[in-house]
């Protein structure tokens, strides 16, 4: 009975979380300029307008570039911090993790103004790399939490067994730890 209750709860939660996406996706198929749900005069007119407009496509490709490179940068920042926490219990890495979590405590507008002031102080305003690095720093807490969870899921008896068999530290990281942590890394990209 407990399992059925859990399944019902998770199903209702999934529906609740997916409902706004279903409504927005449904509205996008309207053939009129009004936002009706369920859609009336089902059409792909808005998708055609989007994909045929060079300004929209330019903005879309720029957004994909920023998102991809910011994700790569944030994972590149988070991985060594999470590894240092897992392997060495490094105080510096723990401090960096705490600082990374501050981005979720501050309002987005405060972070945006802070980065704007920082980049203007450097004389580097309005460049794409500023936007990528700013996004990476703001969102580094997400891959840090996920990758840290991946490291915590490593069974230490596997690491000890590899060492017992003569594996060096780099071999343990490459053959034991990396395959376990890699799905957590890719979930952030």
C-alpha atoms as a PDB file:
ATOM      1  CA  UNK A   1       0.000   0.000   0.000  1.00  0.00           C
ATOM      2  CA  UNK A   2       2.909   2.318   0.787  1.00  0.00           C
ATOM      3  CA  UNK A   3       4.384   1.765  -2.695  1.00  0.00           C
ATOM      4  CA  UNK A   4       1.058   2.526  -4.377  1.00  0.00           C
ATOM      5  CA  UNK A   5       0.775   5.769  -2.404  1.00  0.00           C
ATOM      6  CA  UNK A   6       4.293   6.729  -3.444  1.00  0.00           C
ATOM      7  CA  UNK A   7       3.549   5.967  -7.101  1.00  0.00           C
ATOM      8  CA  UNK A   8       0.324   7.998  -6.988  1.00  0.00           C
ATOM      9  CA  UNK A   9       2.116  10.911  -5.309  1.00  0.00           C
ATOM     10  CA  UNK A  10       5.001  10.897  -7.806  1.00  0.00           C
ATOM     11  CA  UNK A  11       2.576  10.634 -10.723  1.00  0.00           C
ATOM     12  CA  UNK A  12       0.589  13.633  -9.469  1.00  0.00           C
ATOM     13  CA  UNK A  13       3.808  15.545  -8.872  1.00  0.00           C
ATOM     14  CA  UNK A  14       4.980  14.745 -12.405  1.00  0.00           C
ATOM     15  CA  UNK A  15       1.679  15.931 -13.874  1.00  0.00           C
ATOM     16  CA  UNK A  16       1.847  19.109 -11.786  1.00  0.00           C
ATOM     17  CA  UNK A  17       5.387  19.852 -12.985  1.00  0.00           C
ATOM     18  CA  UNK A  18       4.671  18.989 -16.634  1.00  0.00           C
ATOM     19  CA  UNK A  19       1.336  20.845 -16.908  1.00  0.00           C
ATOM     20  CA  UNK A  20       2.823  24.304 -17.636  1.00  0.00           C
ATOM     21  CA  UNK A  21       5.035  22.829 -20.350  1.00  0.00           C
ATOM     22  CA  UNK A  22       2.066  21.086 -21.933  1.00  0.00           C
ATOM     23  CA  UNK A  23       0.042  24.316 -21.918  1.00  0.00           C
ATOM     24  CA  UNK A  24       2.870  26.412 -23.410  1.00  0.00           C
ATOM     25  CA  UNK A  25       3.616  23.780 -26.052  1.00  0.00           C
ATOM     26  CA  UNK A  26      -0.091  23.496 -26.855  1.00  0.00           C
ATOM     27  CA  UNK A  27      -0.504  27.264 -27.195  1.00  0.00           C
ATOM     28  CA  UNK A  28       2.387  27.356 -29.657  1.00  0.00           C
ATOM     29  CA  UNK A  29       0.290  25.379 -32.145  1.00  0.00           C
ATOM     30  CA  UNK A  30      -2.441  28.042 -32.382  1.00  0.00           C
ATOM     31  CA  UNK A  31      -3.133  29.301 -35.868  1.00  0.00           C
ATOM     32  CA  UNK A  32      -4.334  32.639 -34.459  1.00  0.00           C
ATOM     33  CA  UNK A  33      -2.566  35.440 -32.619  1.00  0.00           C
ATOM     34  CA  UNK A  34      -4.483  34.697 -29.429  1.00  0.00           C
ATOM     35  CA  UNK A  35      -3.043  32.350 -26.850  1.00  0.00           C
ATOM     36  CA  UNK A  36      -5.780  29.730 -26.570  1.00  0.00           C
ATOM     37  CA  UNK A  37      -5.539  26.403 -24.858  1.00  0.00           C
ATOM     38  CA  UNK A  38      -6.437  23.956 -26.208  1.00  0.00           C
ATOM     39  CA  UNK A  39      -5.171  25.367 -29.500  1.00  0.00           C
ATOM     40  CA  UNK A  40      -7.647  26.525 -32.127  1.00  0.00           C
ATOM     41  CA  UNK A  41      -6.917  26.230 -35.844  1.00  0.00           C
ATOM     42  CA  UNK A  42      -3.908  23.980 -35.217  1.00  0.00           C
ATOM     43  CA  UNK A  43      -0.982  25.220 -37.256  1.00  0.00           C
ATOM     44  CA  UNK A  44       2.806  25.377 -37.374  1.00  0.00           C
ATOM     45  CA  UNK A  45       2.755  29.054 -38.399  1.00  0.00           C
ATOM     46  CA  UNK A  46       4.719  30.255 -35.339  1.00  0.00           C
ATOM     47  CA  UNK A  47       7.428  27.638 -35.809  1.00  0.00           C
ATOM     48  CA  UNK A  48       7.688  28.586 -39.478  1.00  0.00           C
ATOM     49  CA  UNK A  49       7.984  32.266 -38.523  1.00  0.00           C
ATOM     50  CA  UNK A  50      10.650  31.458 -35.944  1.00  0.00           C
ATOM     51  CA  UNK A  51      12.820  29.259 -38.166  1.00  0.00           C
ATOM     52  CA  UNK A  52      12.529  31.588 -41.175  1.00  0.00           C
ATOM     53  CA  UNK A  53      13.457  34.779 -39.307  1.00  0.00           C
ATOM     54  CA  UNK A  54      17.224  35.399 -39.379  1.00  0.00           C
ATOM     55  CA  UNK A  55      17.081  37.586 -36.250  1.00  0.00           C
ATOM     56  CA  UNK A  56      15.390  34.838 -34.219  1.00  0.00           C
ATOM     57  CA  UNK A  57      17.759  32.180 -35.530  1.00  0.00           C
ATOM     58  CA  UNK A  58      20.778  34.348 -34.734  1.00  0.00           C
ATOM     59  CA  UNK A  59      19.528  34.883 -31.178  1.00  0.00           C
ATOM     60  CA  UNK A  60      18.752  31.173 -30.845  1.00  0.00           C
ATOM     61  CA  UNK A  61      22.217  30.076 -32.013  1.00  0.00           C
ATOM     62  CA  UNK A  62      23.870  32.638 -29.726  1.00  0.00           C
ATOM     63  CA  UNK A  63      21.823  31.351 -26.785  1.00  0.00           C
ATOM     64  CA  UNK A  64      22.846  27.767 -27.571  1.00  0.00           C
ATOM     65  CA  UNK A  65      26.486  28.811 -27.762  1.00  0.00           C
ATOM     66  CA  UNK A  66      26.371  30.654 -24.440  1.00  0.00           C
ATOM     67  CA  UNK A  67      24.497  27.792 -22.747  1.00  0.00           C
ATOM     68  CA  UNK A  68      26.858  25.110 -24.060  1.00  0.00           C
ATOM     69  CA  UNK A  69      30.056  26.940 -23.227  1.00  0.00           C
ATOM     70  CA  UNK A  70      28.769  28.092 -19.818  1.00  0.00           C
ATOM     71  CA  UNK A  71      27.810  24.500 -18.976  1.00  0.00           C
ATOM     72  CA  UNK A  72      31.232  23.274 -20.057  1.00  0.00           C
ATOM     73  CA  UNK A  73      32.963  26.000 -18.029  1.00  0.00           C
ATOM     74  CA  UNK A  74      30.867  25.393 -14.912  1.00  0.00           C
ATOM     75  CA  UNK A  75      31.530  21.639 -15.048  1.00  0.00           C
ATOM     76  CA  UNK A  76      35.238  22.372 -15.567  1.00  0.00           C
ATOM     77  CA  UNK A  77      35.194  24.545 -12.440  1.00  0.00           C
ATOM     78  CA  UNK A  78      33.056  22.158 -10.378  1.00  0.00           C
ATOM     79  CA  UNK A  79      34.875  18.885 -11.089  1.00  0.00           C
ATOM     80  CA  UNK A  80      38.218  19.718  -9.432  1.00  0.00           C
ATOM     81  CA  UNK A  81      36.457  21.300  -6.459  1.00  0.00           C
ATOM     82  CA  UNK A  82      34.239  18.245  -5.946  1.00  0.00           C
ATOM     83  CA  UNK A  83      37.221  15.931  -6.391  1.00  0.00           C
ATOM     84  CA  UNK A  84      39.283  17.866  -3.843  1.00  0.00           C
ATOM     85  CA  UNK A  85      36.444  17.711  -1.336  1.00  0.00           C
ATOM     86  CA  UNK A  86      35.951  13.967  -1.890  1.00  0.00           C
ATOM     87  CA  UNK A  87      39.618  12.981  -1.986  1.00  0.00           C
ATOM     88  CA  UNK A  88      41.346  15.373   0.401  1.00  0.00           C
ATOM     89  CA  UNK A  89      38.562  17.074   2.405  1.00  0.00           C
ATOM     90  CA  UNK A  90      40.292  20.282   1.308  1.00  0.00           C
ATOM     91  CA  UNK A  91      39.304  23.336   3.335  1.00  0.00           C
ATOM     92  CA  UNK A  92      39.930  25.550   0.315  1.00  0.00           C
ATOM     93  CA  UNK A  93      37.613  23.434  -1.829  1.00  0.00           C
ATOM     94  CA  UNK A  94      34.970  23.493   0.911  1.00  0.00           C
ATOM     95  CA  UNK A  95      35.276  27.288   1.029  1.00  0.00           C
ATOM     96  CA  UNK A  96      34.920  27.493  -2.767  1.00  0.00           C
ATOM     97  CA  UNK A  97      31.842  25.263  -2.587  1.00  0.00           C
ATOM     98  CA  UNK A  98      30.317  27.566   0.030  1.00  0.00           C
ATOM     99  CA  UNK A  99      31.053  30.625  -2.102  1.00  0.00           C
ATOM    100  CA  UNK A 100      29.474  28.898  -5.127  1.00  0.00           C
ATOM    101  CA  UNK A 101      26.262  28.365  -3.174  1.00  0.00           C
ATOM    102  CA  UNK A 102      25.953  32.095  -2.535  1.00  0.00           C
ATOM    103  CA  UNK A 103      24.747  32.518  -6.120  1.00  0.00           C
ATOM    104  CA  UNK A 104      21.477  30.841  -5.126  1.00  0.00           C
ATOM    105  CA  UNK A 105      21.002  33.105  -2.135  1.00  0.00           C
ATOM    106  CA  UNK A 106      21.380  36.390  -3.979  1.00  0.00           C
ATOM    107  CA  UNK A 107      18.701  37.711  -6.345  1.00  0.00           C
ATOM    108  CA  UNK A 108      19.593  37.439 -10.031  1.00  0.00           C
ATOM    109  CA  UNK A 109      19.519  41.208 -10.492  1.00  0.00           C
ATOM    110  CA  UNK A 110      22.158  41.658  -7.763  1.00  0.00           C
ATOM    111  CA  UNK A 111      24.437  39.112  -9.441  1.00  0.00           C
ATOM    112  CA  UNK A 112      23.857  40.698 -12.847  1.00  0.00           C
ATOM    113  CA  UNK A 113      24.749  44.174 -11.598  1.00  0.00           C
ATOM    114  CA  UNK A 114      27.779  42.776  -9.771  1.00  0.00           C
ATOM    115  CA  UNK A 115      29.076  41.159 -12.952  1.00  0.00           C
ATOM    116  CA  UNK A 116      28.318  44.299 -14.974  1.00  0.00           C
ATOM    117  CA  UNK A 117      30.336  46.412 -12.525  1.00  0.00           C
ATOM    118  CA  UNK A 118      33.142  43.845 -12.493  1.00  0.00           C
ATOM    119  CA  UNK A 119      33.419  43.593 -16.276  1.00  0.00           C
ATOM    120  CA  UNK A 120      33.169  47.371 -16.730  1.00  0.00           C
ATOM    121  CA  UNK A 121      35.897  47.859 -14.110  1.00  0.00           C
ATOM    122  CA  UNK A 122      38.087  45.592 -16.240  1.00  0.00           C
ATOM    123  CA  UNK A 123      37.066  47.475 -19.399  1.00  0.00           C
ATOM    124  CA  UNK A 124      35.653  44.274 -20.845  1.00  0.00           C
ATOM    125  CA  UNK A 125      31.917  45.014 -21.148  1.00  0.00           C
ATOM    126  CA  UNK A 126      29.641  43.518 -23.775  1.00  0.00           C
ATOM    127  CA  UNK A 127      31.764  40.595 -24.893  1.00  0.00           C
ATOM    128  CA  UNK A 128      30.413  37.102 -25.294  1.00  0.00           C
ATOM    129  CA  UNK A 129      33.088  35.574 -23.076  1.00  0.00           C
ATOM    130  CA  UNK A 130      31.899  37.830 -20.228  1.00  0.00           C
ATOM    131  CA  UNK A 131      28.414  36.421 -20.548  1.00  0.00           C
ATOM    132  CA  UNK A 132      29.686  32.836 -20.705  1.00  0.00           C
ATOM    133  CA  UNK A 133      31.932  33.191 -17.646  1.00  0.00           C
ATOM    134  CA  UNK A 134      29.256  35.047 -15.675  1.00  0.00           C
ATOM    135  CA  UNK A 135      26.709  32.318 -16.379  1.00  0.00           C
ATOM    136  CA  UNK A 136      29.254  29.631 -15.511  1.00  0.00           C
ATOM    137  CA  UNK A 137      30.061  31.240 -12.164  1.00  0.00           C
ATOM    138  CA  UNK A 138      26.394  31.763 -11.290  1.00  0.00           C
ATOM    139  CA  UNK A 139      25.414  28.191 -12.115  1.00  0.00           C
ATOM    140  CA  UNK A 140      28.548  26.364 -10.880  1.00  0.00           C
ATOM    141  CA  UNK A 141      26.676  25.277  -7.737  1.00  0.00           C
ATOM    142  CA  UNK A 142      24.464  22.936  -9.794  1.00  0.00           C
ATOM    143  CA  UNK A 143      27.236  20.768 -11.271  1.00  0.00           C
ATOM    144  CA  UNK A 144      29.103  21.052  -7.986  1.00  0.00           C
ATOM    145  CA  UNK A 145      26.195  19.434  -6.157  1.00  0.00           C
ATOM    146  CA  UNK A 146      25.651  16.799  -8.852  1.00  0.00           C
ATOM    147  CA  UNK A 147      29.297  15.868  -9.312  1.00  0.00           C
ATOM    148  CA  UNK A 148      29.788  15.869  -5.538  1.00  0.00           C
ATOM    149  CA  UNK A 149      26.904  13.403  -5.319  1.00  0.00           C
ATOM    150  CA  UNK A 150      28.660  11.288  -7.934  1.00  0.00           C
ATOM    151  CA  UNK A 151      31.866  11.214  -5.921  1.00  0.00           C
ATOM    152  CA  UNK A 152      29.941  10.323  -2.762  1.00  0.00           C
ATOM    153  CA  UNK A 153      28.377   7.389  -4.622  1.00  0.00           C
ATOM    154  CA  UNK A 154      31.810   5.831  -5.242  1.00  0.00           C
ATOM    155  CA  UNK A 155      32.156   2.702  -3.140  1.00  0.00           C
ATOM    156  CA  UNK A 156      35.430   3.155  -1.272  1.00  0.00           C
ATOM    157  CA  UNK A 157      35.942  -0.610  -1.175  1.00  0.00           C
ATOM    158  CA  UNK A 158      36.380  -0.486  -4.975  1.00  0.00           C
ATOM    159  CA  UNK A 159      39.058   2.183  -4.594  1.00  0.00           C
ATOM    160  CA  UNK A 160      40.775   0.169  -1.866  1.00  0.00           C
ATOM    161  CA  UNK A 161      40.605  -3.004  -3.974  1.00  0.00           C
ATOM    162  CA  UNK A 162      42.240  -1.200  -6.904  1.00  0.00           C
ATOM    163  CA  UNK A 163      45.004   0.085  -4.648  1.00  0.00           C
ATOM    164  CA  UNK A 164      45.501  -3.399  -3.179  1.00  0.00           C
ATOM    165  CA  UNK A 165      45.956  -4.731  -6.703  1.00  0.00           C
ATOM    166  CA  UNK A 166      48.728  -2.175  -7.285  1.00  0.00           C
ATOM    167  CA  UNK A 167      46.864   0.599  -9.100  1.00  0.00           C
ATOM    168  CA  UNK A 168      48.423   4.035  -8.791  1.00  0.00           C
ATOM    169  CA  UNK A 169      46.318   7.069  -7.888  1.00  0.00           C
ATOM    170  CA  UNK A 170      45.880   8.111 -11.536  1.00  0.00           C
ATOM    171  CA  UNK A 171      44.853   4.577 -12.494  1.00  0.00           C
ATOM    172  CA  UNK A 172      42.262   4.490  -9.700  1.00  0.00           C
ATOM    173  CA  UNK A 173      40.827   7.799 -10.877  1.00  0.00           C
ATOM    174  CA  UNK A 174      40.764   6.717 -14.514  1.00  0.00           C
ATOM    175  CA  UNK A 175      39.513   3.138 -14.172  1.00  0.00           C
ATOM    176  CA  UNK A 176      37.382   3.140 -11.006  1.00  0.00           C
ATOM    177  CA  UNK A 177      36.237   6.638 -10.109  1.00  0.00           C
ATOM    178  CA  UNK A 178      35.749   8.199 -13.548  1.00  0.00           C
ATOM    179  CA  UNK A 179      33.285   5.579 -14.879  1.00  0.00           C
ATOM    180  CA  UNK A 180      31.146   6.014 -11.767  1.00  0.00           C
ATOM    181  CA  UNK A 181      31.228   9.835 -11.751  1.00  0.00           C
ATOM    182  CA  UNK A 182      30.955  10.390 -15.534  1.00  0.00           C
ATOM    183  CA  UNK A 183      27.135  10.079 -15.737  1.00  0.00           C
ATOM    184  CA  UNK A 184      26.870  12.774 -13.046  1.00  0.00           C
ATOM    185  CA  UNK A 185      29.191  15.020 -15.074  1.00  0.00           C
ATOM    186  CA  UNK A 186      27.230  14.501 -18.301  1.00  0.00           C
ATOM    187  CA  UNK A 187      23.924  15.210 -16.566  1.00  0.00           C
ATOM    188  CA  UNK A 188      25.134  18.799 -16.100  1.00  0.00           C
ATOM    189  CA  UNK A 189      26.131  19.423 -19.700  1.00  0.00           C
END
